């Protein structure tokens, strides 16, 4: 499965950080809408969004896959400010 196709953060919107972020905190925020849509936002530090995806609440396997992917990568590919 190509997980990156679910990432709504597009490389054209990326910006290189102006400080070292390798040792910064990772944040994974999960929002659930009243319509049972799940939005997952992965961030480094509190300034750089590296992952954004939307899926449905019932797709637990995909949600777990997204979170595992985010944590394994530590967001080296896309950093958006």
PDB file of N, CA and C in Angstrom:
ATOM      1  N   UNK A   1       0.842  -1.182   0.000  1.00  0.00           N
ATOM      2  CA  UNK A   1       0.000   0.000   0.000  1.00  0.00           C
ATOM      3  C   UNK A   1       0.887   1.246   0.000  1.00  0.00           C
ATOM      4  N   UNK A   2       0.563   2.197  -0.851  1.00  0.00           N
ATOM      5  CA  UNK A   2       1.311   3.452  -0.918  1.00  0.00           C
ATOM      6  C   UNK A   2       0.696   4.445   0.067  1.00  0.00           C
ATOM      7  N   UNK A   3       1.228   4.474   1.271  1.00  0.00           N
ATOM      8  CA  UNK A   3       0.703   5.329   2.341  1.00  0.00           C
ATOM      9  C   UNK A   3       0.808   6.805   1.987  1.00  0.00           C
ATOM     10  N   UNK A   4       1.872   7.195   1.313  1.00  0.00           N
ATOM     11  CA  UNK A   4       2.092   8.607   1.004  1.00  0.00           C
ATOM     12  C   UNK A   4       0.956   9.213   0.178  1.00  0.00           C
ATOM     13  N   UNK A   5       0.215   8.395  -0.566  1.00  0.00           N
ATOM     14  CA  UNK A   5      -0.879   8.953  -1.368  1.00  0.00           C
ATOM     15  C   UNK A   5      -1.996   9.505  -0.485  1.00  0.00           C
ATOM     16  N   UNK A   6      -2.040   9.099   0.777  1.00  0.00           N
ATOM     17  CA  UNK A   6      -3.042   9.604   1.710  1.00  0.00           C
ATOM     18  C   UNK A   6      -2.603  10.894   2.395  1.00  0.00           C
ATOM     19  N   UNK A   7      -1.341  11.236   2.282  1.00  0.00           N
ATOM     20  CA  UNK A   7      -0.821  12.441   2.926  1.00  0.00           C
ATOM     21  C   UNK A   7      -1.234  13.663   2.113  1.00  0.00           C
ATOM     22  N   UNK A   8      -2.002  14.547   2.709  1.00  0.00           N
ATOM     23  CA  UNK A   8      -2.492  15.740   2.024  1.00  0.00           C
ATOM     24  C   UNK A   8      -1.475  16.874   2.027  1.00  0.00           C
ATOM     25  N   UNK A   9      -0.371  16.698   2.736  1.00  0.00           N
ATOM     26  CA  UNK A   9       0.701  17.694   2.709  1.00  0.00           C
ATOM     27  C   UNK A   9       1.442  17.517   1.390  1.00  0.00           C
ATOM     28  N   UNK A  10       1.424  18.530   0.588  1.00  0.00           N
ATOM     29  CA  UNK A  10       1.989  18.458  -0.758  1.00  0.00           C
ATOM     30  C   UNK A  10       3.395  19.054  -0.781  1.00  0.00           C
ATOM     31  N   UNK A  11       4.337  18.415  -1.476  1.00  0.00           N
ATOM     32  CA  UNK A  11       5.720  18.916  -1.521  1.00  0.00           C
ATOM     33  C   UNK A  11       5.847  20.361  -2.018  1.00  0.00           C
ATOM     34  N   UNK A  12       4.905  20.822  -2.829  1.00  0.00           N
ATOM     35  CA  UNK A  12       4.971  22.206  -3.316  1.00  0.00           C
ATOM     36  C   UNK A  12       4.733  23.239  -2.224  1.00  0.00           C
ATOM     37  N   UNK A  13       4.184  22.806  -1.104  1.00  0.00           N
ATOM     38  CA  UNK A  13       3.896  23.726  -0.009  1.00  0.00           C
ATOM     39  C   UNK A  13       4.915  23.617   1.118  1.00  0.00           C
ATOM     40  N   UNK A  14       6.014  22.932   0.861  1.00  0.00           N
ATOM     41  CA  UNK A  14       6.991  22.670   1.910  1.00  0.00           C
ATOM     42  C   UNK A  14       7.997  23.797   2.041  1.00  0.00           C
ATOM     43  N   UNK A  15       8.499  23.921   3.237  1.00  0.00           N
ATOM     44  CA  UNK A  15       9.503  24.921   3.544  1.00  0.00           C
ATOM     45  C   UNK A  15      10.565  24.261   4.412  1.00  0.00           C
ATOM     46  N   UNK A  16      11.818  24.535   4.125  1.00  0.00           N
ATOM     47  CA  UNK A  16      12.898  23.982   4.939  1.00  0.00           C
ATOM     48  C   UNK A  16      12.976  24.753   6.263  1.00  0.00           C
ATOM     49  N   UNK A  17      13.009  24.036   7.384  1.00  0.00           N
ATOM     50  CA  UNK A  17      13.087  24.706   8.688  1.00  0.00           C
ATOM     51  C   UNK A  17      14.367  25.527   8.799  1.00  0.00           C
ATOM     52  N   UNK A  18      14.282  26.622   9.536  1.00  0.00           N
ATOM     53  CA  UNK A  18      15.464  27.461   9.729  1.00  0.00           C
ATOM     54  C   UNK A  18      16.156  27.175  11.064  1.00  0.00           C
ATOM     55  N   UNK A  19      15.814  26.068  11.680  1.00  0.00           N
ATOM     56  CA  UNK A  19      16.491  25.606  12.889  1.00  0.00           C
ATOM     57  C   UNK A  19      16.437  24.083  12.919  1.00  0.00           C
ATOM     58  N   UNK A  20      17.265  23.488  13.740  1.00  0.00           N
ATOM     59  CA  UNK A  20      17.362  22.028  13.828  1.00  0.00           C
ATOM     60  C   UNK A  20      16.092  21.445  14.445  1.00  0.00           C
ATOM     61  N   UNK A  21      15.475  20.490  13.745  1.00  0.00           N
ATOM     62  CA  UNK A  21      14.240  19.893  14.263  1.00  0.00           C
ATOM     63  C   UNK A  21      14.363  18.395  14.501  1.00  0.00           C
ATOM     64  N   UNK A  22      15.543  17.841  14.276  1.00  0.00           N
ATOM     65  CA  UNK A  22      15.726  16.397  14.435  1.00  0.00           C
ATOM     66  C   UNK A  22      15.413  15.904  15.839  1.00  0.00           C
ATOM     67  N   UNK A  23      15.659  16.729  16.824  1.00  0.00           N
ATOM     68  CA  UNK A  23      15.475  16.287  18.208  1.00  0.00           C
ATOM     69  C   UNK A  23      14.240  16.909  18.852  1.00  0.00           C
ATOM     70  N   UNK A  24      13.324  17.385  18.056  1.00  0.00           N
ATOM     71  CA  UNK A  24      12.118  18.031  18.577  1.00  0.00           C
ATOM     72  C   UNK A  24      11.017  16.996  18.817  1.00  0.00           C
ATOM     73  N   UNK A  25       9.990  17.432  19.526  1.00  0.00           N
ATOM     74  CA  UNK A  25       8.863  16.558  19.825  1.00  0.00           C
ATOM     75  C   UNK A  25       8.054  16.260  18.573  1.00  0.00           C
ATOM     76  N   UNK A  26       7.406  15.106  18.589  1.00  0.00           N
ATOM     77  CA  UNK A  26       6.469  14.724  17.540  1.00  0.00           C
ATOM     78  C   UNK A  26       5.071  14.808  18.147  1.00  0.00           C
ATOM     79  N   UNK A  27       4.152  15.391  17.382  1.00  0.00           N
ATOM     80  CA  UNK A  27       2.762  15.482  17.811  1.00  0.00           C
ATOM     81  C   UNK A  27       1.890  14.786  16.784  1.00  0.00           C
ATOM     82  N   UNK A  28       0.957  14.001  17.261  1.00  0.00           N
ATOM     83  CA  UNK A  28      -0.049  13.402  16.390  1.00  0.00           C
ATOM     84  C   UNK A  28      -1.400  13.782  16.979  1.00  0.00           C
ATOM     85  N   UNK A  29      -2.129  14.626  16.264  1.00  0.00           N
ATOM     86  CA  UNK A  29      -3.454  15.053  16.704  1.00  0.00           C
ATOM     87  C   UNK A  29      -4.502  14.335  15.871  1.00  0.00           C
ATOM     88  N   UNK A  30      -5.527  13.870  16.540  1.00  0.00           N
ATOM     89  CA  UNK A  30      -6.608  13.161  15.863  1.00  0.00           C
ATOM     90  C   UNK A  30      -7.913  13.885  16.174  1.00  0.00           C
ATOM     91  N   UNK A  31      -8.605  14.274  15.120  1.00  0.00           N
ATOM     92  CA  UNK A  31      -9.882  14.961  15.246  1.00  0.00           C
ATOM     93  C   UNK A  31     -10.962  14.096  14.612  1.00  0.00           C
ATOM     94  N   UNK A  32     -12.109  14.012  15.273  1.00  0.00           N
ATOM     95  CA  UNK A  32     -13.231  13.242  14.735  1.00  0.00           C
ATOM     96  C   UNK A  32     -14.421  14.188  14.593  1.00  0.00           C
ATOM     97  N   UNK A  33     -14.964  14.266  13.381  1.00  0.00           N
ATOM     98  CA  UNK A  33     -16.094  15.155  13.115  1.00  0.00           C
ATOM     99  C   UNK A  33     -17.403  14.475  13.518  1.00  0.00           C
ATOM    100  N   UNK A  34     -18.468  15.248  13.624  1.00  0.00           N
ATOM    101  CA  UNK A  34     -19.787  14.649  13.895  1.00  0.00           C
ATOM    102  C   UNK A  34     -20.209  13.664  12.802  1.00  0.00           C
ATOM    103  N   UNK A  35     -19.642  13.815  11.594  1.00  0.00           N
ATOM    104  CA  UNK A  35     -19.948  12.904  10.484  1.00  0.00           C
ATOM    105  C   UNK A  35     -19.040  11.683  10.473  1.00  0.00           C
ATOM    106  N   UNK A  36     -18.279  11.497  11.544  1.00  0.00           N
ATOM    107  CA  UNK A  36     -17.383  10.351  11.712  1.00  0.00           C
ATOM    108  C   UNK A  36     -16.244  10.331  10.707  1.00  0.00           C
ATOM    109  N   UNK A  37     -15.782  11.512  10.322  1.00  0.00           N
ATOM    110  CA  UNK A  37     -14.565  11.638   9.535  1.00  0.00           C
ATOM    111  C   UNK A  37     -13.415  11.854  10.511  1.00  0.00           C
ATOM    112  N   UNK A  38     -12.290  11.223  10.235  1.00  0.00           N
ATOM    113  CA  UNK A  38     -11.122  11.326  11.109  1.00  0.00           C
ATOM    114  C   UNK A  38     -10.032  12.106  10.379  1.00  0.00           C
ATOM    115  N   UNK A  39      -9.573  13.162  11.010  1.00  0.00           N
ATOM    116  CA  UNK A  39      -8.474  13.961  10.479  1.00  0.00           C
ATOM    117  C   UNK A  39      -7.267  13.718  11.377  1.00  0.00           C
ATOM    118  N   UNK A  40      -6.162  13.290  10.781  1.00  0.00           N
ATOM    119  CA  UNK A  40      -4.927  13.044  11.523  1.00  0.00           C
ATOM    120  C   UNK A  40      -3.899  14.062  11.062  1.00  0.00           C
ATOM    121  N   UNK A  41      -3.342  14.792  12.026  1.00  0.00           N
ATOM    122  CA  UNK A  41      -2.315  15.796  11.754  1.00  0.00           C
ATOM    123  C   UNK A  41      -1.049  15.375  12.491  1.00  0.00           C
ATOM    124  N   UNK A  42       0.043  15.249  11.746  1.00  0.00           N
ATOM    125  CA  UNK A  42       1.345  14.933  12.335  1.00  0.00           C
ATOM    126  C   UNK A  42       2.237  16.159  12.260  1.00  0.00           C
ATOM    127  N   UNK A  43       2.842  16.509  13.378  1.00  0.00           N
ATOM    128  CA  UNK A  43       3.677  17.718  13.432  1.00  0.00           C
ATOM    129  C   UNK A  43       4.996  17.430  14.117  1.00  0.00           C
ATOM    130  N   UNK A  44       5.999  18.181  13.718  1.00  0.00           N
ATOM    131  CA  UNK A  44       7.283  18.221  14.404  1.00  0.00           C
ATOM    132  C   UNK A  44       7.374  19.561  15.089  1.00  0.00           C
ATOM    133  N   UNK A  45       7.932  19.561  16.302  1.00  0.00           N
ATOM    134  CA  UNK A  45       7.963  20.811  17.031  1.00  0.00           C
ATOM    135  C   UNK A  45       6.500  21.250  17.104  1.00  0.00           C
ATOM    136  N   UNK A  46       6.193  22.486  17.227  1.00  0.00           N
ATOM    137  CA  UNK A  46       4.797  22.889  17.114  1.00  0.00           C
ATOM    138  C   UNK A  46       4.603  23.813  15.919  1.00  0.00           C
ATOM    139  N   UNK A  47       5.600  23.858  15.038  1.00  0.00           N
ATOM    140  CA  UNK A  47       5.568  24.777  13.915  1.00  0.00           C
ATOM    141  C   UNK A  47       5.470  24.113  12.547  1.00  0.00           C
ATOM    142  N   UNK A  48       5.708  22.823  12.443  1.00  0.00           N
ATOM    143  CA  UNK A  48       5.815  22.182  11.137  1.00  0.00           C
ATOM    144  C   UNK A  48       4.880  20.986  11.023  1.00  0.00           C
ATOM    145  N   UNK A  49       3.928  21.099  10.106  1.00  0.00           N
ATOM    146  CA  UNK A  49       3.006  20.002   9.819  1.00  0.00           C
ATOM    147  C   UNK A  49       3.629  19.131   8.738  1.00  0.00           C
ATOM    148  N   UNK A  50       3.680  17.840   8.998  1.00  0.00           N
ATOM    149  CA  UNK A  50       4.319  16.908   8.070  1.00  0.00           C
ATOM    150  C   UNK A  50       3.348  15.880   7.518  1.00  0.00           C
ATOM    151  N   UNK A  51       2.213  15.730   8.160  1.00  0.00           N
ATOM    152  CA  UNK A  51       1.224  14.749   7.717  1.00  0.00           C
ATOM    153  C   UNK A  51      -0.167  15.316   7.969  1.00  0.00           C
ATOM    154  N   UNK A  52      -1.040  15.129   7.006  1.00  0.00           N
ATOM    155  CA  UNK A  52      -2.452  15.447   7.173  1.00  0.00           C
ATOM    156  C   UNK A  52      -3.238  14.443   6.341  1.00  0.00           C
ATOM    157  N   UNK A  53      -4.202  13.814   6.956  1.00  0.00           N
ATOM    158  CA  UNK A  53      -5.030  12.854   6.219  1.00  0.00           C
ATOM    159  C   UNK A  53      -6.446  12.877   6.771  1.00  0.00           C
ATOM    160  N   UNK A  54      -7.372  12.484   5.921  1.00  0.00           N
ATOM    161  CA  UNK A  54      -8.772  12.386   6.320  1.00  0.00           C
ATOM    162  C   UNK A  54      -9.277  11.019   5.870  1.00  0.00           C
ATOM    163  N   UNK A  55      -9.925  10.331   6.784  1.00  0.00           N
ATOM    164  CA  UNK A  55     -10.512   9.028   6.492  1.00  0.00           C
ATOM    165  C   UNK A  55     -11.792   8.901   7.307  1.00  0.00           C
ATOM    166  N   UNK A  56     -12.430   7.757   7.251  1.00  0.00           N
ATOM    167  CA  UNK A  56     -13.652   7.556   8.027  1.00  0.00           C
ATOM    168  C   UNK A  56     -13.339   6.790   9.314  1.00  0.00           C
ATOM    169  N   UNK A  57     -14.136   7.025  10.309  1.00  0.00           N
ATOM    170  CA  UNK A  57     -13.899   6.450  11.629  1.00  0.00           C
ATOM    171  C   UNK A  57     -13.866   4.923  11.616  1.00  0.00           C
ATOM    172  N   UNK A  58     -14.647   4.288  10.796  1.00  0.00           N
ATOM    173  CA  UNK A  58     -14.719   2.830  10.777  1.00  0.00           C
ATOM    174  C   UNK A  58     -13.499   2.143  10.186  1.00  0.00           C
ATOM    175  N   UNK A  59     -12.626   2.888   9.544  1.00  0.00           N
ATOM    176  CA  UNK A  59     -11.447   2.285   8.904  1.00  0.00           C
ATOM    177  C   UNK A  59     -10.269   2.250   9.883  1.00  0.00           C
ATOM    178  N   UNK A  60     -10.416   1.464  10.941  1.00  0.00           N
ATOM    179  CA  UNK A  60      -9.428   1.419  12.012  1.00  0.00           C
ATOM    180  C   UNK A  60      -8.054   0.967  11.532  1.00  0.00           C
ATOM    181  N   UNK A  61      -8.030   0.005  10.651  1.00  0.00           N
ATOM    182  CA  UNK A  61      -6.747  -0.517  10.163  1.00  0.00           C
ATOM    183  C   UNK A  61      -5.947   0.582   9.451  1.00  0.00           C
ATOM    184  N   UNK A  62      -6.620   1.377   8.656  1.00  0.00           N
ATOM    185  CA  UNK A  62      -5.943   2.466   7.951  1.00  0.00           C
ATOM    186  C   UNK A  62      -5.472   3.543   8.925  1.00  0.00           C
ATOM    187  N   UNK A  63      -6.282   3.867   9.909  1.00  0.00           N
ATOM    188  CA  UNK A  63      -5.901   4.869  10.910  1.00  0.00           C
ATOM    189  C   UNK A  63      -4.662   4.418  11.670  1.00  0.00           C
ATOM    190  N   UNK A  64      -4.636   3.178  12.100  1.00  0.00           N
ATOM    191  CA  UNK A  64      -3.475   2.635  12.812  1.00  0.00           C
ATOM    192  C   UNK A  64      -2.250   2.630  11.895  1.00  0.00           C
ATOM    193  N   UNK A  65      -2.439   2.315  10.630  1.00  0.00           N
ATOM    194  CA  UNK A  65      -1.336   2.334   9.668  1.00  0.00           C
ATOM    195  C   UNK A  65      -0.763   3.730   9.531  1.00  0.00           C
ATOM    196  N   UNK A  66      -1.632   4.739   9.444  1.00  0.00           N
ATOM    197  CA  UNK A  66      -1.168   6.125   9.349  1.00  0.00           C
ATOM    198  C   UNK A  66      -0.317   6.509  10.562  1.00  0.00           C
ATOM    199  N   UNK A  67      -0.819   6.226  11.736  1.00  0.00           N
ATOM    200  CA  UNK A  67      -0.100   6.604  12.957  1.00  0.00           C
ATOM    201  C   UNK A  67       1.231   5.874  13.040  1.00  0.00           C
ATOM    202  N   UNK A  68       1.257   4.591  12.729  1.00  0.00           N
ATOM    203  CA  UNK A  68       2.510   3.842  12.724  1.00  0.00           C
ATOM    204  C   UNK A  68       3.501   4.412  11.723  1.00  0.00           C
ATOM    205  N   UNK A  69       3.013   4.768  10.559  1.00  0.00           N
ATOM    206  CA  UNK A  69       3.864   5.347   9.512  1.00  0.00           C
ATOM    207  C   UNK A  69       4.457   6.671   9.971  1.00  0.00           C
ATOM    208  N   UNK A  70       3.638   7.509  10.563  1.00  0.00           N
ATOM    209  CA  UNK A  70       4.104   8.807  11.067  1.00  0.00           C
ATOM    210  C   UNK A  70       5.195   8.612  12.111  1.00  0.00           C
ATOM    211  N   UNK A  71       4.980   7.733  13.054  1.00  0.00           N
ATOM    212  CA  UNK A  71       5.950   7.533  14.127  1.00  0.00           C
ATOM    213  C   UNK A  71       7.242   6.883  13.637  1.00  0.00           C
ATOM    214  N   UNK A  72       7.162   6.006  12.663  1.00  0.00           N
ATOM    215  CA  UNK A  72       8.368   5.351  12.139  1.00  0.00           C
ATOM    216  C   UNK A  72       9.235   6.309  11.332  1.00  0.00           C
ATOM    217  N   UNK A  73       8.606   7.172  10.598  1.00  0.00           N
ATOM    218  CA  UNK A  73       9.368   8.067   9.724  1.00  0.00           C
ATOM    219  C   UNK A  73       9.959   9.272  10.440  1.00  0.00           C
ATOM    220  N   UNK A  74       9.343   9.682  11.505  1.00  0.00           N
ATOM    221  CA  UNK A  74       9.754  10.902  12.200  1.00  0.00           C
ATOM    222  C   UNK A  74       9.744  12.095  11.260  1.00  0.00           C
ATOM    223  N   UNK A  75       8.912  12.014  10.217  1.00  0.00           N
ATOM    224  CA  UNK A  75       8.623  13.134   9.322  1.00  0.00           C
ATOM    225  C   UNK A  75       9.808  13.688   8.558  1.00  0.00           C
ATOM    226  N   UNK A  76      10.675  12.899   7.965  1.00  0.00           N
ATOM    227  CA  UNK A  76      11.796  13.505   7.249  1.00  0.00           C
ATOM    228  C   UNK A  76      11.440  14.038   5.867  1.00  0.00           C
ATOM    229  N   UNK A  77      10.273  13.650   5.304  1.00  0.00           N
ATOM    230  CA  UNK A  77       9.990  13.979   3.916  1.00  0.00           C
ATOM    231  C   UNK A  77       9.375  15.360   3.724  1.00  0.00           C
ATOM    232  N   UNK A  78       8.325  15.658   4.438  1.00  0.00           N
ATOM    233  CA  UNK A  78       7.584  16.893   4.199  1.00  0.00           C
ATOM    234  C   UNK A  78       7.475  17.701   5.471  1.00  0.00           C
ATOM    235  N   UNK A  79       7.858  18.931   5.387  1.00  0.00           N
ATOM    236  CA  UNK A  79       7.727  19.818   6.524  1.00  0.00           C
ATOM    237  C   UNK A  79       7.070  21.101   6.034  1.00  0.00           C
ATOM    238  N   UNK A  80       5.894  21.389   6.542  1.00  0.00           N
ATOM    239  CA  UNK A  80       5.133  22.546   6.089  1.00  0.00           C
ATOM    240  C   UNK A  80       5.051  23.544   7.224  1.00  0.00           C
ATOM    241  N   UNK A  81       5.174  24.785   6.908  1.00  0.00           N
ATOM    242  CA  UNK A  81       5.071  25.831   7.929  1.00  0.00           C
ATOM    243  C   UNK A  81       3.927  26.744   7.617  1.00  0.00           C
TER     244      UNK A  81
END
